[in-house]
Amino acid sequence: MEDIIIIFLLSLLAITAIAIIFMRNMLSVIMLGSIYSLLSAVIFVVLDAVDVAFTEAAVGAGISSVLFLSAFAVTGKRQVLKQKNKLIAFVTVSLTAAALIYATSDMPYVGDPNAPVQTHVAARYIEQSGSEVGIPNMVTAVLASYRGFDTLGEVAVVFTAMIAVLLLLLRREEEELDREK
């Protein structure tokens, strides 16, 4: 039954991604991007990665959507296509997809009890996180201590997005001031 749910969710994810590709209305793209992030979060929940799902929902669907909507408020409503060479974009995307598919061929199956994460890391987190970190909640210990650099990276991504939106807003204000002169 879980496999059917995952296949259904992945199908919805693919449909959403294809819809994003063909949309030209930026507001629709932002909303579909938020839906894509929420679907990803649901998939993570089904795969028992609740901490990743929480981060995806908060950052991907929440903060990113707000930042994109803020940028949308100061930019145009429709995308202006300026692509000259679509072949370069296609080759780049194809090479990236091939590299990602090749990288996944070495991954263990989902839920494999003999996977390294199940045999080494999980047992250590369960048995020793309280004494090593001093935080009674195991999930908090993992996120704050063992995966602290991941959390720092996520904060850096959100901060970078916020700076980009602020730069867009400042640029827009400067352009309006130049037009008034």
Protein backbone atom coordinates (compact mmCIF):
# COMPACT_ATOMS: atom_id res chain seq x y z
CA MET A 1 0.00 0.00 0.00
CA GLU A 2 2.86 2.38 0.84
CA ASP A 3 4.36 1.79 -2.61
CA ILE A 4 1.10 2.83 -4.26
CA ILE A 5 1.02 6.03 -2.21
CA ILE A 6 4.62 6.84 -3.11
CA ILE A 7 4.03 6.18 -6.81
CA PHE A 8 0.92 8.38 -6.71
CA LEU A 9 2.80 11.19 -4.96
CA LEU A 10 5.75 10.93 -7.36
CA SER A 11 3.31 11.10 -10.27
CA LEU A 12 1.79 14.27 -8.83
CA LEU A 13 5.31 15.62 -8.36
CA ALA A 14 6.17 14.92 -12.01
CA ILE A 15 2.92 16.49 -13.23
CA THR A 16 3.62 19.58 -11.13
CA ALA A 17 7.17 19.85 -12.49
CA ILE A 18 5.94 19.57 -16.09
CA ALA A 19 3.27 22.19 -15.43
CA ILE A 20 5.94 24.53 -14.03
CA ILE A 21 8.01 24.11 -17.18
CA PHE A 22 5.18 25.17 -19.48
CA MET A 23 3.75 28.02 -17.38
CA ARG A 24 4.47 31.60 -18.40
CA ASN A 25 2.51 33.33 -15.63
CA MET A 26 4.95 33.92 -12.79
CA LEU A 27 2.31 33.81 -10.04
CA SER A 28 1.23 30.37 -11.25
CA VAL A 29 4.85 29.22 -11.27
CA ILE A 30 5.33 30.41 -7.69
CA MET A 31 2.18 28.62 -6.52
CA LEU A 32 3.08 25.42 -8.36
CA GLY A 33 6.58 25.61 -6.85
CA SER A 34 5.01 25.78 -3.41
CA ILE A 35 2.81 22.79 -4.24
CA TYR A 36 5.91 20.94 -5.46
CA SER A 37 7.63 21.58 -2.12
CA LEU A 38 4.59 20.44 -0.15
CA LEU A 39 4.36 17.24 -2.21
CA SER A 40 8.06 16.65 -1.55
CA ALA A 41 7.44 17.12 2.18
CA VAL A 42 4.59 14.59 2.09
CA ILE A 43 6.85 12.09 0.32
CA PHE A 44 9.48 12.59 3.02
CA VAL A 45 6.85 11.92 5.70
CA VAL A 46 5.79 8.70 3.97
CA LEU A 47 9.45 7.66 3.85
CA ASP A 48 9.78 8.34 7.63
CA ALA A 49 12.08 11.33 7.20
CA VAL A 50 9.98 13.69 9.28
CA ASP A 51 12.82 16.09 10.07
CA VAL A 52 13.59 16.53 6.37
CA ALA A 53 9.86 16.91 5.66
CA PHE A 54 9.59 19.63 8.27
CA THR A 55 12.52 21.51 6.77
CA GLU A 56 11.15 21.14 3.25
CA ALA A 57 7.74 22.40 4.28
CA ALA A 58 9.15 25.34 6.25
CA VAL A 59 11.87 26.41 3.84
CA GLY A 60 10.65 25.10 0.48
CA ALA A 61 6.95 25.84 0.72
CA GLY A 62 6.94 28.52 3.40
CA ILE A 63 9.84 30.92 3.33
CA SER A 64 10.76 30.42 -0.33
CA SER A 65 7.19 31.10 -1.43
CA VAL A 66 7.10 34.30 0.58
CA LEU A 67 10.42 35.42 -0.90
CA PHE A 68 9.29 34.58 -4.43
CA LEU A 69 6.01 36.42 -3.92
CA SER A 70 7.96 39.43 -2.64
CA ALA A 71 10.15 39.34 -5.73
CA PHE A 72 7.05 38.92 -7.89
CA ALA A 73 5.59 42.08 -6.40
CA VAL A 74 8.47 44.13 -7.79
CA THR A 75 8.95 42.38 -11.12
CA GLY A 76 6.80 41.68 -14.17
CA LYS A 77 3.85 39.34 -14.24
CA ARG A 78 4.96 37.42 -17.31
CA GLN A 79 8.23 35.81 -18.24
CA VAL A 80 10.11 37.37 -21.12
CA LEU A 81 11.87 34.65 -23.07
CA LYS A 82 15.35 35.67 -24.19
CA GLN A 83 16.86 32.25 -24.84
CA LYS A 84 19.08 32.21 -27.87
CA ASN A 85 20.53 28.73 -27.69
CA LYS A 86 18.22 26.07 -26.31
CA LEU A 87 20.68 23.31 -27.18
CA ILE A 88 23.14 24.40 -24.47
CA ALA A 89 20.36 24.40 -21.87
CA PHE A 90 19.17 20.96 -23.00
CA VAL A 91 22.68 19.48 -22.90
CA THR A 92 23.31 20.96 -19.44
CA VAL A 93 20.06 19.57 -18.05
CA SER A 94 20.65 16.18 -19.69
CA LEU A 95 24.18 15.89 -18.27
CA THR A 96 22.96 16.89 -14.80
CA ALA A 97 20.14 14.33 -14.97
CA ALA A 98 22.53 11.61 -16.14
CA ALA A 99 24.94 12.41 -13.28
CA LEU A 100 22.12 12.29 -10.72
CA ILE A 101 20.77 9.01 -12.07
CA TYR A 102 24.27 7.51 -12.03
CA ALA A 103 24.78 8.71 -8.44
CA THR A 104 21.59 7.01 -7.28
CA SER A 105 22.64 3.63 -8.68
CA ASP A 106 24.98 3.15 -5.70
CA MET A 107 22.37 3.97 -3.05
CA PRO A 108 20.87 1.25 -0.86
CA TYR A 109 17.21 0.40 -1.20
CA VAL A 110 14.77 2.43 0.90
CA GLY A 111 14.31 0.82 4.31
CA ASP A 112 17.12 -1.71 3.79
CA PRO A 113 18.03 -2.93 7.30
CA ASN A 114 21.61 -3.61 6.15
CA ALA A 115 22.18 -0.07 4.86
CA PRO A 116 25.07 1.73 6.59
CA VAL A 117 22.75 4.34 8.09
CA GLN A 118 20.73 1.58 9.77
CA THR A 119 23.68 -0.47 11.02
CA HIS A 120 26.04 2.24 12.24
CA VAL A 121 24.64 5.71 12.66
CA ALA A 122 21.06 5.07 13.82
CA ALA A 123 22.09 2.77 16.65
CA ARG A 124 24.69 5.27 17.84
CA TYR A 125 22.18 8.11 17.82
CA ILE A 126 19.68 6.07 19.80
CA GLU A 127 22.15 4.78 22.38
CA GLN A 128 24.58 7.66 22.84
CA SER A 129 22.96 10.95 21.80
CA GLY A 130 21.73 11.71 25.32
CA SER A 131 25.14 11.29 26.92
CA GLU A 132 27.21 12.79 24.08
CA VAL A 133 25.14 15.90 23.47
CA GLY A 134 23.24 16.30 26.71
CA ILE A 135 19.90 16.96 25.01
CA PRO A 136 17.15 14.51 26.02
CA ASN A 137 15.24 14.79 22.72
CA MET A 138 17.01 12.61 20.15
CA VAL A 139 15.70 14.49 17.09
CA THR A 140 16.85 17.82 18.51
CA ALA A 141 20.23 16.31 19.34
CA VAL A 142 20.64 15.04 15.79
CA LEU A 143 19.57 18.29 14.15
CA ALA A 144 21.43 20.64 16.48
CA SER A 145 24.62 18.68 17.04
CA TYR A 146 25.26 15.81 14.66
CA ARG A 147 23.72 17.58 11.66
CA GLY A 148 24.54 21.11 12.72
CA PHE A 149 26.37 21.89 9.48
CA ASP A 150 23.29 20.83 7.48
CA THR A 151 21.17 23.18 9.55
CA LEU A 152 23.73 25.94 9.07
CA GLY A 153 23.63 25.32 5.32
CA GLU A 154 19.85 25.61 5.28
CA VAL A 155 20.04 28.89 7.16
CA ALA A 156 22.64 30.14 4.67
CA VAL A 157 20.35 29.28 1.74
CA VAL A 158 17.43 31.15 3.28
CA PHE A 159 19.65 34.13 4.13
CA THR A 160 21.00 34.21 0.56
CA ALA A 161 17.48 34.15 -0.84
CA MET A 162 16.47 36.97 1.47
CA ILE A 163 19.47 39.06 0.36
CA ALA A 164 18.59 38.40 -3.30
CA VAL A 165 15.03 39.60 -2.77
CA LEU A 166 16.25 42.70 -0.96
CA LEU A 167 18.66 43.45 -3.81
CA LEU A 168 15.79 43.09 -6.29
CA LEU A 169 13.70 45.47 -4.25
CA LEU A 170 16.51 48.02 -4.04
CA ARG A 171 17.20 47.76 -7.76
CA ARG A 172 13.54 48.34 -8.53
CA GLU A 173 13.47 51.42 -6.31
CA GLU A 174 16.61 52.80 -7.99
CA GLU A 175 15.09 52.27 -11.44
CA GLU A 176 11.94 54.11 -10.39
CA LEU A 177 14.00 56.99 -9.01
CA ASP A 178 15.98 57.18 -12.26
CA ARG A 179 12.75 57.33 -14.29
CA GLU A 180 11.43 60.19 -12.17
CA LYS A 181 14.55 62.29 -12.85
